[in-house]
Amino acid sequence: MVDRGNERIEHLNPDAREKKALLDISISGAAFVHPRELKNDTKLVVKIKEHTLNAVVVYAQGRAEGYRIGVKFQNVPFAVQKDLKEFVDEFSKGVPLFCEIIEEHKST
């Protein structure tokens, strides 16, 4: 597992039927369930709530219902970092968050 250096909130048992549910989130990255494996260093554009974020895959772990994909956010504007802190706080209180992949650029 990658050390993110920021507070991370994790839900160990999210609804496995919801493939877009976040498993964990911090202001520097997140993890979610995805139906297929994504290779390390794959660049993504993801959407969490109203924000689209550039991210890079840092790990993919097989699970019974697909893959746990860990991503690190890249070049996050300060204003969005503030919102991410609020998302972490909401998530810590049990509010589910979802992550949708908008774009995928395979690593070379």
Protein backbone atom coordinates (compact mmCIF):
# COMPACT_ATOMS: atom_id res chain seq x y z
CA MET A 1 0.00 0.00 0.00
CA VAL A 2 1.28 3.48 -0.80
CA ASP A 3 1.88 5.91 2.08
CA ARG A 4 -0.03 9.06 1.22
CA GLY A 5 1.15 11.31 4.04
CA ASN A 6 -2.36 12.67 4.58
CA GLU A 7 -5.22 11.61 6.79
CA ARG A 8 -7.13 8.85 5.04
CA ILE A 9 -10.61 7.67 5.89
CA GLU A 10 -11.47 4.12 4.89
CA HIS A 11 -14.75 2.21 4.70
CA LEU A 12 -13.93 -1.46 4.94
CA ASN A 13 -17.32 -2.80 3.84
CA PRO A 14 -18.92 -0.50 1.26
CA ASP A 15 -21.82 -1.87 -0.75
CA ALA A 16 -20.01 -4.31 -3.06
CA ARG A 17 -22.79 -3.95 -5.62
CA GLU A 18 -21.93 -0.29 -6.15
CA LYS A 19 -18.85 -0.37 -8.37
CA LYS A 20 -18.25 3.38 -8.17
CA ALA A 21 -18.27 3.57 -4.36
CA LEU A 22 -15.12 4.97 -2.79
CA LEU A 23 -13.36 2.65 -0.36
CA ASP A 24 -11.14 5.39 1.04
CA ILE A 25 -10.26 9.01 0.42
CA SER A 26 -7.73 11.61 1.50
CA ILE A 27 -6.87 14.99 0.03
CA SER A 28 -4.07 13.32 -1.94
CA GLY A 29 -5.83 10.24 -3.30
CA ALA A 30 -8.59 7.67 -3.13
CA ALA A 31 -9.44 4.01 -3.72
CA PHE A 32 -12.50 2.53 -5.38
CA VAL A 33 -13.80 -0.74 -6.79
CA HIS A 34 -13.48 -1.16 -10.54
CA PRO A 35 -14.57 -4.17 -12.65
CA ARG A 36 -11.19 -4.54 -14.38
CA GLU A 37 -7.54 -4.16 -13.46
CA LEU A 38 -5.85 -0.87 -14.28
CA LYS A 39 -2.07 -0.86 -14.60
CA ASN A 40 0.16 1.27 -12.38
CA ASP A 41 0.91 4.72 -13.84
CA THR A 42 -2.31 4.75 -15.90
CA LYS A 43 -3.46 8.36 -16.02
CA LEU A 44 -7.11 9.01 -15.29
CA VAL A 45 -9.54 11.87 -15.10
CA VAL A 46 -12.02 11.04 -12.35
CA LYS A 47 -15.14 12.74 -11.09
CA ILE A 48 -15.95 12.92 -7.38
CA LYS A 49 -19.08 14.93 -6.68
CA GLU A 50 -18.83 18.06 -8.84
CA HIS A 51 -15.05 17.96 -9.32
CA THR A 52 -13.03 16.37 -12.09
CA LEU A 53 -9.53 15.47 -10.96
CA ASN A 54 -6.39 14.27 -12.70
CA ALA A 55 -5.12 11.09 -11.08
CA VAL A 56 -2.61 8.31 -11.61
CA VAL A 57 -3.08 4.66 -10.64
CA VAL A 58 -0.67 3.62 -7.88
CA TYR A 59 -2.01 0.10 -7.25
CA ALA A 60 -4.63 -2.43 -8.26
CA GLN A 61 -5.55 -5.31 -5.96
CA GLY A 62 -7.82 -8.17 -6.94
CA ARG A 63 -11.07 -8.57 -4.96
CA ALA A 64 -14.00 -10.94 -5.26
CA GLU A 65 -16.08 -8.22 -6.92
CA GLY A 66 -13.39 -6.71 -9.16
CA TYR A 67 -10.30 -4.66 -8.33
CA ARG A 68 -9.47 -2.16 -5.64
CA ILE A 69 -7.87 0.71 -7.56
CA GLY A 70 -5.75 3.22 -5.65
CA VAL A 71 -5.10 6.59 -7.24
CA LYS A 72 -3.05 9.63 -6.38
CA PHE A 73 -4.52 13.00 -7.35
CA GLN A 74 -2.30 15.29 -9.42
CA ASN A 75 -2.15 19.08 -9.74
CA VAL A 76 -5.18 19.70 -7.53
CA PRO A 77 -6.03 23.44 -7.34
CA PHE A 78 -6.08 24.92 -3.83
CA ALA A 79 -9.84 25.58 -3.93
CA VAL A 80 -10.49 21.93 -4.83
CA GLN A 81 -8.15 20.76 -2.03
CA LYS A 82 -10.42 22.62 0.38
CA ASP A 83 -13.46 20.77 -1.00
CA LEU A 84 -11.58 17.46 -0.77
CA LYS A 85 -11.05 18.12 2.94
CA GLU A 86 -14.82 18.54 3.27
CA PHE A 87 -15.40 15.30 1.32
CA VAL A 88 -13.03 13.45 3.70
CA ASP A 89 -14.97 14.85 6.65
CA GLU A 90 -18.32 13.79 5.14
CA PHE A 91 -16.95 10.34 4.30
CA SER A 92 -15.70 9.93 7.88
CA LYS A 93 -19.29 10.46 9.04
CA GLY A 94 -20.57 7.66 6.81
CA VAL A 95 -21.69 9.70 3.80
CA PRO A 96 -20.97 7.53 0.74
CA LEU A 97 -18.94 9.06 -2.07
CA PHE A 98 -18.60 7.83 -5.61
CA CYS A 99 -15.84 8.01 -8.20
CA GLU A 100 -16.45 7.88 -11.93
CA ILE A 101 -13.67 7.49 -14.47
CA ILE A 102 -14.15 10.16 -17.15
CA GLU A 103 -10.95 9.47 -19.14
CA GLU A 104 -8.28 6.79 -19.12
CA HIS A 105 -4.84 7.11 -20.71
CA LYS A 106 -3.01 3.80 -20.62
CA SER A 107 0.57 3.85 -19.40
CA THR A 108 3.27 3.18 -21.97
